Amino acid sequence: LEKKYKQIPEDKITDPDISILGNTLDTLKYCLDKDYLVDLYSNIMISDMDKRTKNNVHISFVEILKQLSKNDLEVLQSIYMMKHTKSISFGKLCIVDSNEKFIGYELHTSIYMANITNYKIDDYNMFSNSIENLERLGLIELNYGKYFNEKETYDKLIDDAKPYCEHILSGINNSDAKLGCEKGILSINNLGYDLMKICLRDL
């Protein structure tokens, strides 16, 4: 923390918000064994002492981090790092017929797919849980009312998921059934963007 503090130009140093400082220090006591969290919490405190970033520090950041798993953070950071766009192709797995029309079988659990640079989905269940948690916390938005025109983008999402999800078809009594995609767009919102900007000290 001291090393990071010394990196702030002297004319940019400002007094921290006591509520943010106190809450962060209190939380740090319980995650000293998790280096990645120590670094993120330290960056919240340092950013609150830096005039260049203070206005982007939100008091909710400490509580939000408590509710994020390591995988949640990896997903959110990967989305944040795609700075050329706020929105990416996203889909929810569904069962369709040969004409790609929804058949009507509801999956027991929602399985999400997304084209996120530098994040490979190895476990679709874990990824889907992370997506739902990030949405619950208001860090990302899922929009099925809009989608990209490039069909190939969504076809690739399905192709990538097939090795992990094709077994779902074995329980469906319909020879015409295949894996499909409810097309949509995933966007990181202002809160999620600022959380990553602060926690990564992205100046």
C-alpha atoms as a PDB file:
ATOM      1  CA  LEU A   1       0.000   0.000   0.000  1.00  0.00           C
ATOM      2  CA  GLU A   2       2.825   2.374   0.920  1.00  0.00           C
ATOM      3  CA  LYS A   3       4.587   1.686  -2.381  1.00  0.00           C
ATOM      4  CA  LYS A   4       1.422   2.497  -4.329  1.00  0.00           C
ATOM      5  CA  TYR A   5       0.846   5.639  -2.289  1.00  0.00           C
ATOM      6  CA  LYS A   6       4.335   6.902  -3.161  1.00  0.00           C
ATOM      7  CA  GLN A   7       3.517   6.536  -6.842  1.00  0.00           C
ATOM      8  CA  ILE A   8       0.852   9.248  -6.626  1.00  0.00           C
ATOM      9  CA  PRO A   9       2.252  12.659  -7.642  1.00  0.00           C
ATOM     10  CA  GLU A  10       2.403  14.907  -4.577  1.00  0.00           C
ATOM     11  CA  ASP A  11       0.069  17.486  -6.081  1.00  0.00           C
ATOM     12  CA  LYS A  12      -2.551  14.774  -6.737  1.00  0.00           C
ATOM     13  CA  ILE A  13      -2.793  13.464  -3.165  1.00  0.00           C
ATOM     14  CA  THR A  14      -6.030  14.139  -1.294  1.00  0.00           C
ATOM     15  CA  ASP A  15      -7.632  13.021   1.965  1.00  0.00           C
ATOM     16  CA  PRO A  16      -9.486   9.710   1.737  1.00  0.00           C
ATOM     17  CA  ASP A  17     -13.140   9.208   2.579  1.00  0.00           C
ATOM     18  CA  ILE A  18     -13.046   7.782   6.118  1.00  0.00           C
ATOM     19  CA  SER A  19     -16.010   5.484   5.509  1.00  0.00           C
ATOM     20  CA  ILE A  20     -14.350   3.958   2.431  1.00  0.00           C
ATOM     21  CA  LEU A  21     -10.959   3.677   4.140  1.00  0.00           C
ATOM     22  CA  GLY A  22     -12.373   2.133   7.309  1.00  0.00           C
ATOM     23  CA  ASN A  23     -14.646  -0.313   5.519  1.00  0.00           C
ATOM     24  CA  THR A  24     -11.856  -1.420   3.181  1.00  0.00           C
ATOM     25  CA  LEU A  25      -9.323  -1.945   5.975  1.00  0.00           C
ATOM     26  CA  ASP A  26     -11.874  -3.929   7.984  1.00  0.00           C
ATOM     27  CA  THR A  27     -12.636  -6.165   5.012  1.00  0.00           C
ATOM     28  CA  LEU A  28      -8.950  -6.705   4.190  1.00  0.00           C
ATOM     29  CA  LYS A  29      -8.469  -8.532   7.504  1.00  0.00           C
ATOM     30  CA  TYR A  30     -10.529 -11.433   6.204  1.00  0.00           C
ATOM     31  CA  CYS A  31      -8.900 -11.908   2.812  1.00  0.00           C
ATOM     32  CA  LEU A  32      -5.154 -11.596   3.471  1.00  0.00           C
ATOM     33  CA  ASP A  33      -4.742 -15.117   2.101  1.00  0.00           C
ATOM     34  CA  LYS A  34      -6.099 -14.034  -1.292  1.00  0.00           C
ATOM     35  CA  ASP A  35      -3.462 -11.907  -2.994  1.00  0.00           C
ATOM     36  CA  TYR A  36      -5.704 -10.896  -5.885  1.00  0.00           C
ATOM     37  CA  LEU A  37      -8.281  -9.434  -3.476  1.00  0.00           C
ATOM     38  CA  VAL A  38      -5.655  -7.664  -1.376  1.00  0.00           C
ATOM     39  CA  ASP A  39      -4.454  -5.902  -4.521  1.00  0.00           C
ATOM     40  CA  LEU A  40      -7.991  -4.875  -5.552  1.00  0.00           C
ATOM     41  CA  TYR A  41      -8.911  -3.547  -2.111  1.00  0.00           C
ATOM     42  CA  SER A  42      -5.591  -1.705  -1.872  1.00  0.00           C
ATOM     43  CA  ASN A  43      -6.307  -0.042  -5.197  1.00  0.00           C
ATOM     44  CA  ILE A  44      -9.684   1.175  -3.928  1.00  0.00           C
ATOM     45  CA  MET A  45      -7.984   2.927  -1.008  1.00  0.00           C
ATOM     46  CA  ILE A  46      -5.190   4.366  -3.132  1.00  0.00           C
ATOM     47  CA  SER A  47      -7.644   5.581  -5.788  1.00  0.00           C
ATOM     48  CA  ASP A  48      -9.638   7.359  -3.095  1.00  0.00           C
ATOM     49  CA  MET A  49      -6.460   9.255  -2.118  1.00  0.00           C
ATOM     50  CA  ASP A  50      -5.726  10.264  -5.720  1.00  0.00           C
ATOM     51  CA  LYS A  51      -7.453  13.373  -7.119  1.00  0.00           C
ATOM     52  CA  ARG A  52      -7.336  11.844 -10.611  1.00  0.00           C
ATOM     53  CA  THR A  53      -9.472   8.858  -9.639  1.00  0.00           C
ATOM     54  CA  LYS A  54     -11.317   9.839  -6.454  1.00  0.00           C
ATOM     55  CA  ASN A  55     -14.542  10.794  -8.234  1.00  0.00           C
ATOM     56  CA  ASN A  56     -14.806   7.304  -9.728  1.00  0.00           C
ATOM     57  CA  VAL A  57     -14.573   5.523  -6.360  1.00  0.00           C
ATOM     58  CA  HIS A  58     -17.997   4.430  -5.143  1.00  0.00           C
ATOM     59  CA  ILE A  59     -18.659   3.479  -1.547  1.00  0.00           C
ATOM     60  CA  SER A  60     -20.390   0.295  -2.740  1.00  0.00           C
ATOM     61  CA  PHE A  61     -17.213  -1.116  -4.323  1.00  0.00           C
ATOM     62  CA  VAL A  62     -16.026  -2.795  -1.121  1.00  0.00           C
ATOM     63  CA  GLU A  63     -19.350  -4.562  -0.580  1.00  0.00           C
ATOM     64  CA  ILE A  64     -19.557  -5.575  -4.238  1.00  0.00           C
ATOM     65  CA  LEU A  65     -16.121  -7.223  -4.173  1.00  0.00           C
ATOM     66  CA  LYS A  66     -17.230  -9.329  -1.197  1.00  0.00           C
ATOM     67  CA  GLN A  67     -19.887 -10.882  -3.420  1.00  0.00           C
ATOM     68  CA  LEU A  68     -17.643 -11.714  -6.380  1.00  0.00           C
ATOM     69  CA  SER A  69     -15.870 -15.031  -6.879  1.00  0.00           C
ATOM     70  CA  LYS A  70     -12.480 -15.188  -8.538  1.00  0.00           C
ATOM     71  CA  ASN A  71     -14.159 -16.351 -11.745  1.00  0.00           C
ATOM     72  CA  ASP A  72     -16.694 -13.489 -11.559  1.00  0.00           C
ATOM     73  CA  LEU A  73     -13.786 -11.069 -11.443  1.00  0.00           C
ATOM     74  CA  GLU A  74     -11.994 -12.767 -14.338  1.00  0.00           C
ATOM     75  CA  VAL A  75     -15.119 -12.527 -16.500  1.00  0.00           C
ATOM     76  CA  LEU A  76     -15.747  -8.883 -15.607  1.00  0.00           C
ATOM     77  CA  GLN A  77     -12.108  -7.906 -16.113  1.00  0.00           C
ATOM     78  CA  SER A  78     -12.004  -9.608 -19.523  1.00  0.00           C
ATOM     79  CA  ILE A  79     -15.134  -7.716 -20.610  1.00  0.00           C
ATOM     80  CA  TYR A  80     -13.673  -4.459 -19.287  1.00  0.00           C
ATOM     81  CA  MET A  81     -10.425  -4.999 -21.196  1.00  0.00           C
ATOM     82  CA  MET A  82     -12.352  -5.107 -24.508  1.00  0.00           C
ATOM     83  CA  LYS A  83     -12.143  -1.323 -24.636  1.00  0.00           C
ATOM     84  CA  HIS A  84     -12.877  -1.058 -28.346  1.00  0.00           C
ATOM     85  CA  THR A  85     -16.529  -1.833 -27.575  1.00  0.00           C
ATOM     86  CA  LYS A  86     -18.946  -1.628 -24.665  1.00  0.00           C
ATOM     87  CA  SER A  87     -21.109  -4.477 -25.999  1.00  0.00           C
ATOM     88  CA  ILE A  88     -20.302  -8.023 -27.120  1.00  0.00           C
ATOM     89  CA  SER A  89     -22.232 -10.877 -28.708  1.00  0.00           C
ATOM     90  CA  PHE A  90     -24.019 -12.970 -26.123  1.00  0.00           C
ATOM     91  CA  GLY A  91     -26.462 -15.853 -26.209  1.00  0.00           C
ATOM     92  CA  LYS A  92     -28.579 -18.154 -24.091  1.00  0.00           C
ATOM     93  CA  LEU A  93     -28.530 -21.798 -25.110  1.00  0.00           C
ATOM     94  CA  CYS A  94     -31.874 -23.169 -26.305  1.00  0.00           C
ATOM     95  CA  ILE A  95     -33.258 -26.096 -28.313  1.00  0.00           C
ATOM     96  CA  VAL A  96     -34.311 -25.405 -31.905  1.00  0.00           C
ATOM     97  CA  ASP A  97     -35.384 -27.390 -34.952  1.00  0.00           C
ATOM     98  CA  SER A  98     -33.598 -27.675 -38.294  1.00  0.00           C
ATOM     99  CA  ASN A  99     -35.062 -24.298 -39.303  1.00  0.00           C
ATOM    100  CA  GLU A 100     -33.626 -22.775 -36.111  1.00  0.00           C
ATOM    101  CA  LYS A 101     -37.074 -22.168 -34.657  1.00  0.00           C
ATOM    102  CA  PHE A 102     -37.505 -22.569 -30.905  1.00  0.00           C
ATOM    103  CA  ILE A 103     -39.012 -25.995 -30.167  1.00  0.00           C
ATOM    104  CA  GLY A 104     -40.197 -25.318 -26.653  1.00  0.00           C
ATOM    105  CA  TYR A 105     -37.976 -27.387 -24.412  1.00  0.00           C
ATOM    106  CA  GLU A 106     -36.871 -25.386 -21.382  1.00  0.00           C
ATOM    107  CA  LEU A 107     -33.452 -26.279 -19.995  1.00  0.00           C
ATOM    108  CA  HIS A 108     -33.293 -26.957 -16.257  1.00  0.00           C
ATOM    109  CA  THR A 109     -30.563 -24.353 -15.861  1.00  0.00           C
ATOM    110  CA  SER A 110     -29.734 -21.395 -18.095  1.00  0.00           C
ATOM    111  CA  ILE A 111     -26.527 -21.792 -20.057  1.00  0.00           C
ATOM    112  CA  TYR A 112     -24.967 -18.594 -21.337  1.00  0.00           C
ATOM    113  CA  MET A 113     -22.398 -18.079 -24.072  1.00  0.00           C
ATOM    114  CA  ALA A 114     -20.386 -14.981 -24.937  1.00  0.00           C
ATOM    115  CA  ASN A 115     -17.574 -13.876 -27.222  1.00  0.00           C
ATOM    116  CA  ILE A 116     -15.180 -12.444 -24.636  1.00  0.00           C
ATOM    117  CA  THR A 117     -11.603 -11.797 -25.713  1.00  0.00           C
ATOM    118  CA  ASN A 118      -8.967 -13.395 -23.443  1.00  0.00           C
ATOM    119  CA  TYR A 119     -11.542 -15.501 -21.573  1.00  0.00           C
ATOM    120  CA  LYS A 120     -12.055 -19.140 -22.517  1.00  0.00           C
ATOM    121  CA  ILE A 121     -15.188 -20.782 -21.149  1.00  0.00           C
ATOM    122  CA  ASP A 122     -14.022 -24.121 -19.735  1.00  0.00           C
ATOM    123  CA  ASP A 123     -17.011 -24.637 -17.457  1.00  0.00           C
ATOM    124  CA  TYR A 124     -20.293 -23.321 -18.863  1.00  0.00           C
ATOM    125  CA  ASN A 125     -22.122 -23.819 -15.576  1.00  0.00           C
ATOM    126  CA  MET A 126     -19.562 -21.762 -13.662  1.00  0.00           C
ATOM    127  CA  PHE A 127     -19.527 -19.117 -16.390  1.00  0.00           C
ATOM    128  CA  SER A 128     -23.339 -18.914 -16.366  1.00  0.00           C
ATOM    129  CA  ASN A 129     -23.370 -18.501 -12.596  1.00  0.00           C
ATOM    130  CA  SER A 130     -20.857 -15.670 -12.916  1.00  0.00           C
ATOM    131  CA  ILE A 131     -22.963 -13.947 -15.582  1.00  0.00           C
ATOM    132  CA  GLU A 132     -26.076 -14.117 -13.386  1.00  0.00           C
ATOM    133  CA  ASN A 133     -24.181 -12.816 -10.360  1.00  0.00           C
ATOM    134  CA  LEU A 134     -22.646  -9.919 -12.301  1.00  0.00           C
ATOM    135  CA  GLU A 135     -26.081  -9.019 -13.625  1.00  0.00           C
ATOM    136  CA  ARG A 136     -27.609  -9.308 -10.139  1.00  0.00           C
ATOM    137  CA  LEU A 137     -25.051  -6.842  -8.812  1.00  0.00           C
ATOM    138  CA  GLY A 138     -25.771  -4.399 -11.618  1.00  0.00           C
ATOM    139  CA  LEU A 139     -22.316  -4.624 -13.196  1.00  0.00           C
ATOM    140  CA  ILE A 140     -23.431  -5.896 -16.596  1.00  0.00           C
ATOM    141  CA  GLU A 141     -26.617  -5.783 -18.671  1.00  0.00           C
ATOM    142  CA  LEU A 142     -28.089  -8.564 -20.818  1.00  0.00           C
ATOM    143  CA  ASN A 143     -30.289  -7.456 -23.708  1.00  0.00           C
ATOM    144  CA  TYR A 144     -32.211  -9.952 -25.836  1.00  0.00           C
ATOM    145  CA  GLY A 145     -34.075  -7.174 -27.645  1.00  0.00           C
ATOM    146  CA  LYS A 146     -30.934  -6.295 -29.592  1.00  0.00           C
ATOM    147  CA  TYR A 147     -28.324  -8.411 -31.324  1.00  0.00           C
ATOM    148  CA  PHE A 148     -25.612  -8.147 -33.940  1.00  0.00           C
ATOM    149  CA  ASN A 149     -26.508  -8.814 -37.579  1.00  0.00           C
ATOM    150  CA  GLU A 150     -23.593 -11.174 -38.161  1.00  0.00           C
ATOM    151  CA  LYS A 151     -25.137 -14.657 -37.843  1.00  0.00           C
ATOM    152  CA  GLU A 152     -21.662 -16.217 -37.875  1.00  0.00           C
ATOM    153  CA  THR A 153     -20.910 -14.567 -34.535  1.00  0.00           C
ATOM    154  CA  TYR A 154     -23.699 -16.468 -32.816  1.00  0.00           C
ATOM    155  CA  ASP A 155     -23.028 -19.688 -34.755  1.00  0.00           C
ATOM    156  CA  LYS A 156     -19.529 -19.668 -33.294  1.00  0.00           C
ATOM    157  CA  LEU A 157     -20.929 -19.366 -29.759  1.00  0.00           C
ATOM    158  CA  ILE A 158     -22.957 -22.531 -30.340  1.00  0.00           C
ATOM    159  CA  ASP A 159     -20.035 -24.383 -31.962  1.00  0.00           C
ATOM    160  CA  ASP A 160     -17.777 -23.552 -29.020  1.00  0.00           C
ATOM    161  CA  ALA A 161     -20.409 -24.781 -26.538  1.00  0.00           C
ATOM    162  CA  LYS A 162     -21.259 -28.046 -28.327  1.00  0.00           C
ATOM    163  CA  PRO A 163     -18.506 -30.214 -26.791  1.00  0.00           C
ATOM    164  CA  TYR A 164     -19.743 -29.269 -23.323  1.00  0.00           C
ATOM    165  CA  CYS A 165     -23.497 -29.054 -23.914  1.00  0.00           C
ATOM    166  CA  GLU A 166     -24.439 -31.498 -26.680  1.00  0.00           C
ATOM    167  CA  HIS A 167     -25.331 -34.181 -24.106  1.00  0.00           C
ATOM    168  CA  ILE A 168     -28.447 -32.111 -23.365  1.00  0.00           C
ATOM    169  CA  LEU A 169     -29.977 -33.360 -26.621  1.00  0.00           C
ATOM    170  CA  SER A 170     -29.883 -36.976 -25.424  1.00  0.00           C
ATOM    171  CA  GLY A 171     -32.779 -36.331 -23.068  1.00  0.00           C
ATOM    172  CA  ILE A 172     -35.022 -34.809 -25.745  1.00  0.00           C
ATOM    173  CA  ASN A 173     -37.340 -37.058 -27.724  1.00  0.00           C
ATOM    174  CA  ASN A 174     -37.121 -35.196 -31.006  1.00  0.00           C
ATOM    175  CA  SER A 175     -34.787 -36.242 -33.813  1.00  0.00           C
ATOM    176  CA  ASP A 176     -35.044 -32.756 -35.333  1.00  0.00           C
ATOM    177  CA  ALA A 177     -33.744 -31.034 -32.208  1.00  0.00           C
ATOM    178  CA  LYS A 178     -30.381 -29.285 -32.108  1.00  0.00           C
ATOM    179  CA  LEU A 179     -28.614 -26.686 -30.004  1.00  0.00           C
ATOM    180  CA  GLY A 180     -29.574 -23.102 -30.737  1.00  0.00           C
ATOM    181  CA  CYS A 181     -28.996 -19.637 -29.417  1.00  0.00           C
ATOM    182  CA  GLU A 182     -31.322 -16.959 -28.107  1.00  0.00           C
ATOM    183  CA  LYS A 183     -29.338 -14.044 -29.483  1.00  0.00           C
ATOM    184  CA  GLY A 184     -28.530 -10.956 -27.481  1.00  0.00           C
ATOM    185  CA  ILE A 185     -25.919  -8.434 -26.429  1.00  0.00           C
ATOM    186  CA  LEU A 186     -23.931  -8.232 -23.204  1.00  0.00           C
ATOM    187  CA  SER A 187     -22.794  -4.794 -22.030  1.00  0.00           C
ATOM    188  CA  ILE A 188     -20.703  -3.620 -19.122  1.00  0.00           C
ATOM    189  CA  ASN A 189     -22.434  -0.686 -17.447  1.00  0.00           C
ATOM    190  CA  ASN A 190     -21.011   2.376 -15.705  1.00  0.00           C
ATOM    191  CA  LEU A 191     -20.762   0.762 -12.260  1.00  0.00           C
ATOM    192  CA  GLY A 192     -18.976  -2.301 -13.586  1.00  0.00           C
ATOM    193  CA  TYR A 193     -16.650  -0.199 -15.727  1.00  0.00           C
ATOM    194  CA  ASP A 194     -15.703   2.112 -12.874  1.00  0.00           C
ATOM    195  CA  LEU A 195     -15.219  -0.815 -10.484  1.00  0.00           C
ATOM    196  CA  MET A 196     -12.663  -2.361 -12.818  1.00  0.00           C
ATOM    197  CA  LYS A 197     -11.045   0.971 -13.645  1.00  0.00           C
ATOM    198  CA  ILE A 198     -10.496   1.665  -9.934  1.00  0.00           C
ATOM    199  CA  CYS A 199      -9.562  -1.874  -8.865  1.00  0.00           C
ATOM    200  CA  LEU A 200      -6.996  -2.172 -11.675  1.00  0.00           C
ATOM    201  CA  ARG A 201      -5.715   1.394 -11.186  1.00  0.00           C
ATOM    202  CA  ASP A 202      -6.200   1.984 -14.905  1.00  0.00           C
ATOM    203  CA  LEU A 203      -5.103   5.606 -15.206  1.00  0.00           C
END
